C-alpha atoms as a PDB file:
ATOM      1  CA  MET A   1      -4.941 -16.039  52.666  1.00  0.00           C
ATOM      2  CA  LEU A   2      -8.355 -14.266  52.715  1.00  0.00           C
ATOM      3  CA  ILE A   3      -6.614 -11.310  53.685  1.00  0.00           C
ATOM      4  CA  ASP A   4      -4.236 -11.431  50.665  1.00  0.00           C
ATOM      5  CA  ASN A   5      -7.006 -11.803  48.380  1.00  0.00           C
ATOM      6  CA  ILE A   6      -9.095  -8.957  49.576  1.00  0.00           C
ATOM      7  CA  LYS A   7      -6.190  -6.768  49.341  1.00  0.00           C
ATOM      8  CA  ALA A   8      -5.457  -7.847  45.741  1.00  0.00           C
ATOM      9  CA  LEU A   9      -9.024  -7.499  44.486  1.00  0.00           C
ATOM     10  CA  HIS A  10      -9.078  -4.127  46.166  1.00  0.00           C
ATOM     11  CA  ASP A  11      -5.816  -3.038  44.257  1.00  0.00           C
ATOM     12  CA  LEU A  12      -7.281  -4.458  41.043  1.00  0.00           C
ATOM     13  CA  ILE A  13     -10.526  -2.562  41.295  1.00  0.00           C
ATOM     14  CA  VAL A  14      -8.704   0.590  42.120  1.00  0.00           C
ATOM     15  CA  ALA A  15      -6.461   0.361  39.049  1.00  0.00           C
ATOM     16  CA  GLU A  16      -9.427  -0.438  36.718  1.00  0.00           C
ATOM     17  CA  ILE A  17     -11.274   2.500  38.175  1.00  0.00           C
ATOM     18  CA  ASN A  18      -8.069   4.962  37.643  1.00  0.00           C
ATOM     19  CA  ASN A  19      -8.013   3.560  33.939  1.00  0.00           C
ATOM     20  CA  ALA A  20     -11.711   4.484  33.341  1.00  0.00           C
ATOM     21  CA  ARG A  21     -12.393   7.350  30.878  1.00  0.00           C
ATOM     22  CA  THR A  22     -16.272   7.546  30.859  1.00  0.00           C
ATOM     23  CA  ILE A  23     -19.214   7.453  33.164  1.00  0.00           C
ATOM     24  CA  LYS A  24     -20.083   4.119  31.383  1.00  0.00           C
ATOM     25  CA  ASN A  25     -16.872   2.552  32.524  1.00  0.00           C
ATOM     26  CA  LEU A  26     -17.331   3.409  36.141  1.00  0.00           C
ATOM     27  CA  ASP A  27     -20.914   1.841  35.928  1.00  0.00           C
ATOM     28  CA  ASP A  28     -19.631  -1.106  34.270  1.00  0.00           C
ATOM     29  CA  LEU A  29     -17.006  -1.665  37.055  1.00  0.00           C
ATOM     30  CA  LYS A  30     -19.516  -0.953  39.847  1.00  0.00           C
ATOM     31  CA  ALA A  31     -21.912  -3.540  38.540  1.00  0.00           C
ATOM     32  CA  LYS A  32     -19.152  -6.035  38.032  1.00  0.00           C
ATOM     33  CA  TYR A  33     -17.195  -5.643  41.362  1.00  0.00           C
ATOM     34  CA  LEU A  34     -19.977  -4.380  43.974  1.00  0.00           C
ATOM     35  CA  SER A  35     -23.240  -5.987  42.998  1.00  0.00           C
ATOM     36  CA  LYS A  36     -24.719  -8.567  45.371  1.00  0.00           C
ATOM     37  CA  LYS A  37     -23.315 -11.533  43.179  1.00  0.00           C
ATOM     38  CA  SER A  38     -19.926 -10.128  42.549  1.00  0.00           C
ATOM     39  CA  GLU A  39     -16.623 -11.553  43.758  1.00  0.00           C
ATOM     40  CA  PHE A  40     -16.021  -8.931  46.483  1.00  0.00           C
ATOM     41  CA  ASN A  41     -19.301  -9.677  48.172  1.00  0.00           C
ATOM     42  CA  SER A  42     -18.444 -13.264  48.100  1.00  0.00           C
ATOM     43  CA  PHE A  43     -15.888 -12.445  50.788  1.00  0.00           C
ATOM     44  CA  LEU A  44     -18.735 -11.805  53.157  1.00  0.00           C
ATOM     45  CA  LYS A  45     -20.003 -15.168  52.803  1.00  0.00           C
ATOM     46  CA  MET A  46     -16.775 -16.686  53.859  1.00  0.00           C
ATOM     47  CA  LEU A  47     -16.838 -14.792  57.310  1.00  0.00           C
ATOM     48  CA  GLY A  48     -18.695 -17.681  58.853  1.00  0.00           C
ATOM     49  CA  THR A  49     -15.997 -20.040  57.945  1.00  0.00           C
ATOM     50  CA  LEU A  50     -13.562 -17.972  59.931  1.00  0.00           C
ATOM     51  CA  SER A  51     -12.532 -18.551  63.670  1.00  0.00           C
ATOM     52  CA  PRO A  52     -14.056 -15.858  66.154  1.00  0.00           C
ATOM     53  CA  GLU A  53     -10.776 -14.529  66.527  1.00  0.00           C
ATOM     54  CA  GLU A  54     -10.223 -13.687  62.728  1.00  0.00           C
ATOM     55  CA  ARG A  55     -13.829 -12.787  62.005  1.00  0.00           C
ATOM     56  CA  PRO A  56     -13.549  -9.143  63.215  1.00  0.00           C
ATOM     57  CA  LYS A  57     -10.368  -8.424  61.648  1.00  0.00           C
ATOM     58  CA  VAL A  58     -11.473  -9.828  58.128  1.00  0.00           C
ATOM     59  CA  GLY A  59     -14.856  -8.048  58.529  1.00  0.00           C
ATOM     60  CA  ALA A  60     -13.246  -4.904  59.223  1.00  0.00           C
ATOM     61  CA  LEU A  61     -10.850  -5.212  56.273  1.00  0.00           C
ATOM     62  CA  ILE A  62     -13.791  -5.886  53.966  1.00  0.00           C
ATOM     63  CA  ASN A  63     -15.661  -2.760  55.172  1.00  0.00           C
ATOM     64  CA  GLU A  64     -12.662  -0.683  54.760  1.00  0.00           C
ATOM     65  CA  ALA A  65     -11.901  -1.817  51.413  1.00  0.00           C
ATOM     66  CA  ARG A  66     -15.417  -1.501  50.269  1.00  0.00           C
ATOM     67  CA  ASN A  67     -15.528   2.057  51.611  1.00  0.00           C
ATOM     68  CA  ASP A  68     -12.302   3.052  50.026  1.00  0.00           C
ATOM     69  CA  ILE A  69     -13.541   1.673  46.650  1.00  0.00           C
ATOM     70  CA  ASP A  70     -16.840   3.731  46.952  1.00  0.00           C
ATOM     71  CA  ARG A  71     -14.970   6.814  47.761  1.00  0.00           C
ATOM     72  CA  ILE A  72     -12.379   6.470  44.711  1.00  0.00           C
ATOM     73  CA  LEU A  73     -15.515   5.753  42.461  1.00  0.00           C
ATOM     74  CA  SER A  74     -17.358   8.848  43.828  1.00  0.00           C
ATOM     75  CA  GLU A  75     -14.063  11.187  43.084  1.00  0.00           C
ATOM     76  CA  THR A  76     -13.437   9.521  39.823  1.00  0.00           C
ATOM     77  CA  PHE A  77     -17.061   9.829  38.764  1.00  0.00           C
ATOM     78  CA  ASP A  78     -16.854  13.717  39.610  1.00  0.00           C
ATOM     79  CA  LYS A  79     -13.807  14.055  37.643  1.00  0.00           C
ATOM     80  CA  ILE A  80     -14.955  12.282  34.268  1.00  0.00           C
ATOM     81  CA  GLN A  81     -18.370  14.195  34.543  1.00  0.00           C
ATOM     82  CA  GLN A  82     -16.419  17.488  34.586  1.00  0.00           C
ATOM     83  CA  VAL A  83     -14.240  16.244  31.720  1.00  0.00           C
ATOM     84  CA  GLU A  84     -17.170  15.397  29.637  1.00  0.00           C
ATOM     85  CA  PHE A  85     -19.002  18.547  30.646  1.00  0.00           C
ATOM     86  CA  ASN A  86     -16.182  20.697  29.606  1.00  0.00           C
ATOM     87  CA  THR A  87     -15.703  18.875  26.366  1.00  0.00           C
ATOM     88  CA  LYS A  88     -19.109  19.151  25.657  1.00  0.00           C
ATOM     89  CA  PHE A  89     -19.257  22.900  26.354  1.00  0.00           C
ATOM     90  CA  GLU A  90     -16.408  23.741  24.144  1.00  0.00           C
ATOM     91  CA  SER A  91     -17.914  21.889  21.294  1.00  0.00           C
ATOM     92  CA  GLU A  92     -21.117  23.492  21.527  1.00  0.00           C
ATOM     93  CA  LYS A  93     -20.419  27.123  22.707  1.00  0.00           C
ATOM     94  CA  ILE A  94     -20.825  30.127  20.527  1.00  0.00           C
ATOM     95  CA  ASP A  95     -17.648  31.773  19.548  1.00  0.00           C
ATOM     96  CA  ILE A  96     -18.617  35.342  20.174  1.00  0.00           C
ATOM     97  CA  THR A  97     -15.406  36.576  18.517  1.00  0.00           C
ATOM     98  CA  LEU A  98     -16.544  35.502  15.107  1.00  0.00           C
ATOM     99  CA  LYS A  99     -18.230  37.978  12.817  1.00  0.00           C
ATOM    100  CA  GLY A 100     -21.961  37.587  12.755  1.00  0.00           C
ATOM    101  CA  ARG A 101     -23.496  35.912   9.826  1.00  0.00           C
ATOM    102  CA  LYS A 102     -24.815  38.406   7.039  1.00  0.00           C
ATOM    103  CA  TYR A 103     -28.629  37.628   6.260  1.00  0.00           C
ATOM    104  CA  ASN A 104     -29.867  39.209   3.080  1.00  0.00           C
ATOM    105  CA  ILE A 105     -33.081  41.100   3.174  1.00  0.00           C
ATOM    106  CA  GLY A 106     -35.510  40.323   0.104  1.00  0.00           C
ATOM    107  CA  SER A 107     -37.265  42.925  -1.930  1.00  0.00           C
ATOM    108  CA  LYS A 108     -40.783  43.524  -3.041  1.00  0.00           C
ATOM    109  CA  HIS A 109     -41.343  42.989  -6.861  1.00  0.00           C
ATOM    110  CA  PRO A 110     -41.617  46.143  -8.594  1.00  0.00           C
ATOM    111  CA  ILE A 111     -45.051  45.014  -9.720  1.00  0.00           C
ATOM    112  CA  ARG A 112     -46.099  44.653  -6.107  1.00  0.00           C
ATOM    113  CA  ILE A 113     -44.627  47.995  -5.249  1.00  0.00           C
ATOM    114  CA  VAL A 114     -46.859  49.818  -7.962  1.00  0.00           C
ATOM    115  CA  PHE A 115     -49.821  47.649  -6.972  1.00  0.00           C
ATOM    116  CA  ASN A 116     -49.722  48.849  -3.576  1.00  0.00           C
ATOM    117  CA  GLU A 117     -49.058  52.477  -4.648  1.00  0.00           C
ATOM    118  CA  ILE A 118     -52.074  52.519  -7.115  1.00  0.00           C
ATOM    119  CA  GLU A 119     -54.464  50.688  -4.541  1.00  0.00           C
ATOM    120  CA  GLU A 120     -53.368  53.352  -1.812  1.00  0.00           C
ATOM    121  CA  ILE A 121     -54.310  56.166  -4.034  1.00  0.00           C
ATOM    122  CA  PHE A 122     -57.626  54.922  -5.011  1.00  0.00           C
ATOM    123  CA  LEU A 123     -58.344  53.612  -1.401  1.00  0.00           C
ATOM    124  CA  ASN A 124     -58.020  57.296  -0.099  1.00  0.00           C
ATOM    125  CA  MET A 125     -60.538  58.318  -2.867  1.00  0.00           C
ATOM    126  CA  GLY A 126     -63.323  55.853  -1.298  1.00  0.00           C
ATOM    127  CA  PHE A 127     -62.710  53.017  -3.490  1.00  0.00           C
ATOM    128  CA  SER A 128     -62.958  49.360  -2.142  1.00  0.00           C
ATOM    129  CA  ILE A 129     -60.878  46.401  -3.536  1.00  0.00           C
ATOM    130  CA  ALA A 130     -62.545  43.396  -5.284  1.00  0.00           C
ATOM    131  CA  GLU A 131     -60.636  40.364  -6.536  1.00  0.00           C
ATOM    132  CA  GLY A 132     -61.920  37.345  -8.518  1.00  0.00           C
ATOM    133  CA  PRO A 133     -60.480  34.234 -10.117  1.00  0.00           C
ATOM    134  CA  GLU A 134     -57.959  34.222 -13.018  1.00  0.00           C
ATOM    135  CA  VAL A 135     -59.966  31.095 -14.786  1.00  0.00           C
ATOM    136  CA  GLU A 136     -63.299  32.556 -15.796  1.00  0.00           C
ATOM    137  CA  THR A 137     -66.384  31.793 -17.567  1.00  0.00           C
ATOM    138  CA  ASP A 138     -66.825  32.998 -21.118  1.00  0.00           C
ATOM    139  CA  PHE A 139     -69.876  34.994 -19.953  1.00  0.00           C
ATOM    140  CA  ASN A 140     -68.238  36.860 -17.335  1.00  0.00           C
ATOM    141  CA  ASN A 141     -65.379  37.664 -19.527  1.00  0.00           C
ATOM    142  CA  PHE A 142     -66.840  38.395 -22.672  1.00  0.00           C
ATOM    143  CA  THR A 143     -70.653  38.299 -22.982  1.00  0.00           C
ATOM    144  CA  SER A 144     -71.298  40.453 -19.667  1.00  0.00           C
ATOM    145  CA  MET A 145     -68.951  42.931 -21.022  1.00  0.00           C
ATOM    146  CA  ASN A 146     -71.092  43.454 -24.279  1.00  0.00           C
ATOM    147  CA  PHE A 147     -68.743  41.168 -26.381  1.00  0.00           C
ATOM    148  CA  LEU A 148     -70.969  39.420 -28.935  1.00  0.00           C
ATOM    149  CA  ASP A 149     -70.019  35.897 -29.871  1.00  0.00           C
ATOM    150  CA  ASP A 150     -68.803  37.232 -33.495  1.00  0.00           C
ATOM    151  CA  HIS A 151     -67.526  40.611 -32.015  1.00  0.00           C
ATOM    152  CA  PRO A 152     -64.427  41.590 -33.706  1.00  0.00           C
ATOM    153  CA  ALA A 153     -63.066  43.014 -30.464  1.00  0.00           C
ATOM    154  CA  ARG A 154     -62.710  39.496 -29.066  1.00  0.00           C
ATOM    155  CA  ASP A 155     -59.792  38.641 -31.587  1.00  0.00           C
ATOM    156  CA  SER A 156     -57.685  41.501 -29.864  1.00  0.00           C
ATOM    157  CA  GLN A 157     -58.374  39.780 -26.534  1.00  0.00           C
ATOM    158  CA  ASP A 158     -57.793  35.994 -27.885  1.00  0.00           C
ATOM    159  CA  THR A 159     -56.847  33.987 -24.788  1.00  0.00           C
ATOM    160  CA  PHE A 160     -56.188  30.480 -23.402  1.00  0.00           C
ATOM    161  CA  TYR A 161     -59.256  28.129 -23.005  1.00  0.00           C
ATOM    162  CA  VAL A 162     -59.780  25.529 -20.773  1.00  0.00           C
ATOM    163  CA  ASN A 163     -62.815  24.581 -22.377  1.00  0.00           C
ATOM    164  CA  SER A 164     -65.440  26.139 -24.571  1.00  0.00           C
ATOM    165  CA  GLU A 165     -67.017  28.147 -21.878  1.00  0.00           C
ATOM    166  CA  THR A 166     -63.943  28.417 -19.312  1.00  0.00           C
ATOM    167  CA  LEU A 167     -60.893  30.407 -20.287  1.00  0.00           C
ATOM    168  CA  PHE A 168     -58.026  32.384 -18.662  1.00  0.00           C
ATOM    169  CA  ARG A 169     -59.515  35.962 -18.151  1.00  0.00           C
ATOM    170  CA  THR A 170     -58.149  38.653 -20.638  1.00  0.00           C
ATOM    171  CA  HIS A 171     -58.933  41.582 -18.052  1.00  0.00           C
ATOM    172  CA  THR A 172     -59.949  42.110 -14.589  1.00  0.00           C
ATOM    173  CA  SER A 173     -63.476  43.221 -16.045  1.00  0.00           C
ATOM    174  CA  PRO A 174     -64.989  39.715 -14.897  1.00  0.00           C
ATOM    175  CA  VAL A 175     -64.443  40.845 -11.430  1.00  0.00           C
ATOM    176  CA  GLN A 176     -66.663  43.972 -12.045  1.00  0.00           C
ATOM    177  CA  ALA A 177     -69.327  41.595 -13.471  1.00  0.00           C
ATOM    178  CA  ARG A 178     -69.356  39.441 -10.418  1.00  0.00           C
ATOM    179  CA  ALA A 179     -69.453  42.721  -8.394  1.00  0.00           C
ATOM    180  CA  MET A 180     -72.455  44.166 -10.186  1.00  0.00           C
ATOM    181  CA  GLN A 181     -74.222  41.045 -10.130  1.00  0.00           C
ATOM    182  CA  GLN A 182     -73.695  40.470  -6.245  1.00  0.00           C
ATOM    183  CA  ASN A 183     -74.379  44.245  -5.312  1.00  0.00           C
ATOM    184  CA  ALA A 184     -77.028  45.391  -7.766  1.00  0.00           C
ATOM    185  CA  PRO A 185     -78.983  47.730  -7.433  1.00  0.00           C
ATOM    186  CA  ASN A 186     -76.824  49.162  -4.817  1.00  0.00           C
ATOM    187  CA  PRO A 187     -73.970  51.733  -5.572  1.00  0.00           C
ATOM    188  CA  LEU A 188     -70.701  50.553  -6.486  1.00  0.00           C
ATOM    189  CA  LYS A 189     -67.145  51.921  -6.253  1.00  0.00           C
ATOM    190  CA  ILE A 190     -64.354  49.211  -6.773  1.00  0.00           C
ATOM    191  CA  ILE A 191     -60.951  48.721  -8.247  1.00  0.00           C
ATOM    192  CA  CYS A 192     -60.245  45.162  -9.365  1.00  0.00           C
ATOM    193  CA  PRO A 193     -56.367  44.355  -9.350  1.00  0.00           C
ATOM    194  CA  GLY A 194     -55.039  41.217 -10.731  1.00  0.00           C
ATOM    195  CA  ARG A 195     -53.198  39.023 -13.376  1.00  0.00           C
ATOM    196  CA  VAL A 196     -54.718  38.448 -16.738  1.00  0.00           C
ATOM    197  CA  PHE A 197     -53.821  36.498 -19.988  1.00  0.00           C
ATOM    198  CA  ARG A 198     -53.744  36.919 -23.620  1.00  0.00           C
ATOM    199  CA  ARG A 199     -52.255  35.147 -26.544  1.00  0.00           C
ATOM    200  CA  ASP A 200     -49.545  37.506 -27.965  1.00  0.00           C
ATOM    201  CA  ASP A 201     -46.087  37.752 -29.079  1.00  0.00           C
ATOM    202  CA  ILE A 202     -43.372  38.084 -26.447  1.00  0.00           C
ATOM    203  CA  ASP A 203     -40.923  40.835 -26.890  1.00  0.00           C
ATOM    204  CA  ALA A 204     -39.723  43.944 -25.077  1.00  0.00           C
ATOM    205  CA  THR A 205     -43.293  45.398 -24.720  1.00  0.00           C
ATOM    206  CA  HIS A 206     -45.563  42.448 -24.998  1.00  0.00           C
ATOM    207  CA  SER A 207     -46.268  39.129 -22.943  1.00  0.00           C
ATOM    208  CA  VAL A 208     -48.791  36.739 -22.735  1.00  0.00           C
ATOM    209  CA  GLN A 209     -49.666  37.554 -19.053  1.00  0.00           C
ATOM    210  CA  PHE A 210     -49.720  41.060 -17.372  1.00  0.00           C
ATOM    211  CA  HIS A 211     -51.300  43.070 -14.837  1.00  0.00           C
ATOM    212  CA  GLN A 212     -54.236  45.300 -14.553  1.00  0.00           C
ATOM    213  CA  ILE A 213     -56.128  47.416 -12.088  1.00  0.00           C
ATOM    214  CA  GLU A 214     -59.844  48.208 -13.486  1.00  0.00           C
ATOM    215  CA  GLY A 215     -62.054  50.760 -11.596  1.00  0.00           C
ATOM    216  CA  LEU A 216     -65.833  50.986 -11.606  1.00  0.00           C
ATOM    217  CA  PHE A 217     -68.079  53.712 -10.278  1.00  0.00           C
ATOM    218  CA  ILE A 218     -71.892  52.974 -10.679  1.00  0.00           C
ATOM    219  CA  ASP A 219     -74.619  55.065  -8.755  1.00  0.00           C
ATOM    220  CA  LYS A 220     -77.342  57.774  -9.636  1.00  0.00           C
ATOM    221  CA  ASN A 221     -76.335  60.742 -11.548  1.00  0.00           C
ATOM    222  CA  VAL A 222     -72.804  59.812 -12.141  1.00  0.00           C
ATOM    223  CA  ARG A 223     -70.932  62.318 -14.597  1.00  0.00           C
ATOM    224  CA  PHE A 224     -68.219  61.850 -17.056  1.00  0.00           C
ATOM    225  CA  SER A 225     -66.436  64.765 -15.575  1.00  0.00           C
ATOM    226  CA  ASP A 226     -66.008  62.729 -12.289  1.00  0.00           C
ATOM    227  CA  LEU A 227     -64.026  60.247 -14.150  1.00  0.00           C
ATOM    228  CA  ILE A 228     -61.903  62.843 -15.695  1.00  0.00           C
ATOM    229  CA  GLY A 229     -61.408  64.482 -12.074  1.00  0.00           C
ATOM    230  CA  VAL A 230     -60.483  61.061 -10.416  1.00  0.00           C
ATOM    231  CA  LEU A 231     -57.807  60.220 -13.058  1.00  0.00           C
ATOM    232  CA  GLU A 232     -56.169  63.513 -12.855  1.00  0.00           C
ATOM    233  CA  ILE A 233     -55.804  62.993  -9.257  1.00  0.00           C
ATOM    234  CA  PHE A 234     -54.301  59.397  -9.830  1.00  0.00           C
ATOM    235  CA  MET A 235     -51.886  60.634 -12.380  1.00  0.00           C
ATOM    236  CA  LYS A 236     -50.655  63.512 -10.306  1.00  0.00           C
ATOM    237  CA  ARG A 237     -50.338  61.377  -7.108  1.00  0.00           C
ATOM    238  CA  MET A 238     -48.596  58.511  -9.169  1.00  0.00           C
ATOM    239  CA  PHE A 239     -46.145  60.830 -11.497  1.00  0.00           C
ATOM    240  CA  GLY A 240     -46.052  64.257  -9.812  1.00  0.00           C
ATOM    241  CA  GLU A 241     -48.212  67.462  -9.389  1.00  0.00           C
ATOM    242  CA  SER A 242     -46.991  68.742 -12.733  1.00  0.00           C
ATOM    243  CA  THR A 243     -48.509  65.844 -14.583  1.00  0.00           C
ATOM    244  CA  LYS A 244     -51.111  66.807 -16.985  1.00  0.00           C
ATOM    245  CA  ILE A 245     -53.818  64.323 -18.889  1.00  0.00           C
ATOM    246  CA  ARG A 246     -55.544  64.420 -22.161  1.00  0.00           C
ATOM    247  CA  LEU A 247     -58.433  62.216 -23.410  1.00  0.00           C
ATOM    248  CA  ARG A 248     -58.864  60.986 -26.866  1.00  0.00           C
ATOM    249  CA  PRO A 249     -61.937  59.240 -28.469  1.00  0.00           C
ATOM    250  CA  SER A 250     -61.587  55.580 -28.655  1.00  0.00           C
ATOM    251  CA  PHE A 251     -63.794  52.443 -28.817  1.00  0.00           C
ATOM    252  CA  PHE A 252     -64.427  49.632 -26.169  1.00  0.00           C
ATOM    253  CA  PRO A 253     -67.261  47.214 -26.207  1.00  0.00           C
ATOM    254  CA  PHE A 254     -68.124  47.974 -22.648  1.00  0.00           C
ATOM    255  CA  THR A 255     -68.196  51.562 -22.690  1.00  0.00           C
ATOM    256  CA  GLU A 256     -69.878  54.370 -24.486  1.00  0.00           C
ATOM    257  CA  PRO A 257     -68.510  56.923 -25.022  1.00  0.00           C
ATOM    258  CA  SER A 258     -64.842  55.777 -24.532  1.00  0.00           C
ATOM    259  CA  ALA A 259     -61.749  57.528 -24.245  1.00  0.00           C
ATOM    260  CA  GLU A 260     -57.842  56.594 -24.120  1.00  0.00           C
ATOM    261  CA  VAL A 261     -56.157  58.673 -21.379  1.00  0.00           C
ATOM    262  CA  ASP A 262     -52.489  60.052 -21.841  1.00  0.00           C
ATOM    263  CA  CYS A 263     -50.251  61.810 -19.469  1.00  0.00           C
ATOM    264  CA  SER A 264     -47.599  64.222 -20.254  1.00  0.00           C
ATOM    265  CA  CYS A 265     -44.471  62.554 -20.649  1.00  0.00           C
ATOM    266  CA  ILE A 266     -42.799  61.774 -17.230  1.00  0.00           C
ATOM    267  CA  PHE A 267     -39.238  62.143 -18.574  1.00  0.00           C
ATOM    268  CA  CYS A 268     -39.307  65.284 -20.768  1.00  0.00           C
ATOM    269  CA  LYS A 269     -42.587  66.882 -19.029  1.00  0.00           C
ATOM    270  CA  GLY A 270     -44.322  67.154 -22.104  1.00  0.00           C
ATOM    271  CA  LYS A 271     -41.628  69.073 -24.363  1.00  0.00           C
ATOM    272  CA  GLY A 272     -41.042  65.819 -26.522  1.00  0.00           C
ATOM    273  CA  CYS A 273     -38.255  63.060 -26.288  1.00  0.00           C
ATOM    274  CA  SER A 274     -37.331  59.857 -27.969  1.00  0.00           C
ATOM    275  CA  PHE A 275     -39.419  58.070 -25.377  1.00  0.00           C
ATOM    276  CA  CYS A 276     -42.718  59.824 -26.092  1.00  0.00           C
ATOM    277  CA  LYS A 277     -41.826  60.069 -29.868  1.00  0.00           C
ATOM    278  CA  HIS A 278     -41.591  63.672 -29.279  1.00  0.00           C
ATOM    279  CA  SER A 279     -45.236  64.157 -28.912  1.00  0.00           C
ATOM    280  CA  GLY A 280     -44.971  65.156 -25.250  1.00  0.00           C
ATOM    281  CA  TRP A 281     -47.642  62.353 -24.276  1.00  0.00           C
ATOM    282  CA  ILE A 282     -47.763  58.886 -23.125  1.00  0.00           C
ATOM    283  CA  GLU A 283     -50.658  56.501 -23.552  1.00  0.00           C
ATOM    284  CA  ILE A 284     -51.602  55.142 -19.911  1.00  0.00           C
ATOM    285  CA  LEU A 285     -55.205  53.711 -19.701  1.00  0.00           C
ATOM    286  CA  GLY A 286     -58.692  53.240 -21.379  1.00  0.00           C
ATOM    287  CA  SER A 287     -61.742  54.724 -19.854  1.00  0.00           C
ATOM    288  CA  GLY A 288     -65.284  55.444 -20.770  1.00  0.00           C
ATOM    289  CA  ALA A 289     -69.007  55.550 -19.475  1.00  0.00           C
ATOM    290  CA  VAL A 290     -70.418  52.184 -18.624  1.00  0.00           C
ATOM    291  CA  HIS A 291     -72.381  50.937 -21.628  1.00  0.00           C
ATOM    292  CA  PRO A 292     -76.278  50.497 -20.910  1.00  0.00           C
ATOM    293  CA  ASN A 293     -76.043  46.714 -21.966  1.00  0.00           C
ATOM    294  CA  VAL A 294     -73.344  46.103 -19.350  1.00  0.00           C
ATOM    295  CA  LEU A 295     -75.264  47.800 -16.548  1.00  0.00           C
ATOM    296  CA  LYS A 296     -78.561  45.742 -17.697  1.00  0.00           C
ATOM    297  CA  MET A 297     -76.482  42.451 -17.454  1.00  0.00           C
ATOM    298  CA  GLY A 298     -74.986  43.385 -14.217  1.00  0.00           C
ATOM    299  CA  GLY A 299     -78.522  43.892 -12.702  1.00  0.00           C
ATOM    300  CA  TYR A 300     -78.697  47.729 -12.988  1.00  0.00           C
ATOM    301  CA  ASP A 301     -81.470  49.709 -14.748  1.00  0.00           C
ATOM    302  CA  PRO A 302     -79.817  52.126 -17.091  1.00  0.00           C
ATOM    303  CA  GLU A 303     -82.558  54.566 -16.844  1.00  0.00           C
ATOM    304  CA  ILE A 304     -81.648  55.094 -13.245  1.00  0.00           C
ATOM    305  CA  TYR A 305     -78.128  54.179 -12.857  1.00  0.00           C
ATOM    306  CA  SER A 306     -74.868  55.400 -14.777  1.00  0.00           C
ATOM    307  CA  GLY A 307     -71.403  54.777 -14.234  1.00  0.00           C
ATOM    308  CA  TRP A 308     -67.842  55.209 -15.605  1.00  0.00           C
ATOM    309  CA  ALA A 309     -65.010  52.355 -15.713  1.00  0.00           C
ATOM    310  CA  PHE A 310     -61.147  52.516 -16.490  1.00  0.00           C
ATOM    311  CA  GLY A 311     -58.440  50.165 -16.674  1.00  0.00           C
ATOM    312  CA  ILE A 312     -54.788  50.650 -16.132  1.00  0.00           C
ATOM    313  CA  GLY A 313     -51.800  48.404 -17.279  1.00  0.00           C
ATOM    314  CA  VAL A 314     -49.678  48.051 -14.127  1.00  0.00           C
ATOM    315  CA  ASP A 315     -46.784  46.711 -16.136  1.00  0.00           C
ATOM    316  CA  ARG A 316     -46.574  49.661 -18.317  1.00  0.00           C
ATOM    317  CA  VAL A 317     -46.698  51.876 -15.218  1.00  0.00           C
ATOM    318  CA  VAL A 318     -43.849  50.107 -13.684  1.00  0.00           C
ATOM    319  CA  LEU A 319     -41.908  50.438 -16.868  1.00  0.00           C
ATOM    320  CA  LEU A 320     -42.617  54.069 -16.953  1.00  0.00           C
ATOM    321  CA  LYS A 321     -42.010  54.808 -13.213  1.00  0.00           C
ATOM    322  CA  TYR A 322     -38.714  53.103 -13.160  1.00  0.00           C
ATOM    323  CA  GLY A 323     -37.467  53.515 -16.721  1.00  0.00           C
ATOM    324  CA  ILE A 324     -37.449  49.915 -17.420  1.00  0.00           C
ATOM    325  CA  SER A 325     -36.782  49.219 -21.338  1.00  0.00           C
ATOM    326  CA  ASP A 326     -37.881  45.496 -21.568  1.00  0.00           C
ATOM    327  CA  ILE A 327     -41.158  43.983 -19.865  1.00  0.00           C
ATOM    328  CA  ARG A 328     -39.449  40.618 -19.789  1.00  0.00           C
ATOM    329  CA  LEU A 329     -37.265  41.682 -16.921  1.00  0.00           C
ATOM    330  CA  LEU A 330     -40.570  41.604 -14.664  1.00  0.00           C
ATOM    331  CA  THR A 331     -40.852  37.975 -14.907  1.00  0.00           C
ATOM    332  CA  ASP A 332     -37.216  36.729 -15.544  1.00  0.00           C
ATOM    333  CA  ASN A 333     -36.750  36.262 -11.736  1.00  0.00           C
ATOM    334  CA  ASP A 334     -33.279  37.699 -11.995  1.00  0.00           C
ATOM    335  CA  VAL A 335     -32.394  38.558  -8.242  1.00  0.00           C
ATOM    336  CA  ARG A 336     -29.860  41.145  -9.475  1.00  0.00           C
ATOM    337  CA  PHE A 337     -32.644  43.004 -11.069  1.00  0.00           C
ATOM    338  CA  ILE A 338     -35.153  42.629  -8.132  1.00  0.00           C
ATOM    339  CA  GLU A 339     -32.523  43.852  -5.652  1.00  0.00           C
ATOM    340  CA  GLN A 340     -32.614  47.334  -7.150  1.00  0.00           C
ATOM    341  CA  PHE A 341     -35.994  48.013  -5.728  1.00  0.00           C
ATOM    342  CA  LYS A 342     -35.098  47.428  -2.090  1.00  0.00           C
END
């Protein structure tokens, strides 16, 4: 009777092992049938009730059945593990027969491209780059640049105020003011790139925000002719060696004398076209000798030091360089437009 029970349990366990489909199923069967408190091990406790003649025979049968179950468990475990590995491998492997995914490479914004070009030109001429905050004090933005409180030139640079003493800068001249205050009375040769703000209409040629690079050179015995030479080098490197410049008298509160600087039209090479209104010239920047009042407020003695400054509208240079007709394209963030500058 006991021998029949051992054989029946052996066959039952083997059948359940063969039906197992996962490693967890096998672990559960092993715990159920081969643990110390399992039904299979209870047969060992019954050996003491058998006669001396039956005991060796039954004991050998139990060991044989146990070893057979262990062998089948091990073989089944290996098979299921291999199946699970193959399934995981198939689901996670990279199909090298598929085409690779195409990743689009972005482009620098045309304003940043021109910024980099202008900065490189002036760095090669010995200038350093100075930067400052976009939200400035009224003193640095206007007063230190020789704008009196009731000066009519303030109207043309009307801007956005945070409060009565703080505003969004209208030009990068406050960077010059800060640099002078920090470096006086040492010589100064800097360019000041950045974004500026003015209350203005928004159309094809105007915006409430735009970009500038201003230059400043202060030292002893600085001559106006040095300014002309520097600007001529800049224009030729920016628009081509055939580019010419001319200066026209103008007015800026922070320079005296002041001059508007034109370059020969880059489209018709000075012959006259619709873009330059058949004049052969395009207005490109403002410049002049630093006003003595600006030098004083910056910490320099105008009897000893002199200097000159200029201001370039970067957005205007971008429009000219790439033949763009509408300044709003620079801030619309249209990917189709930006992609043209890769």
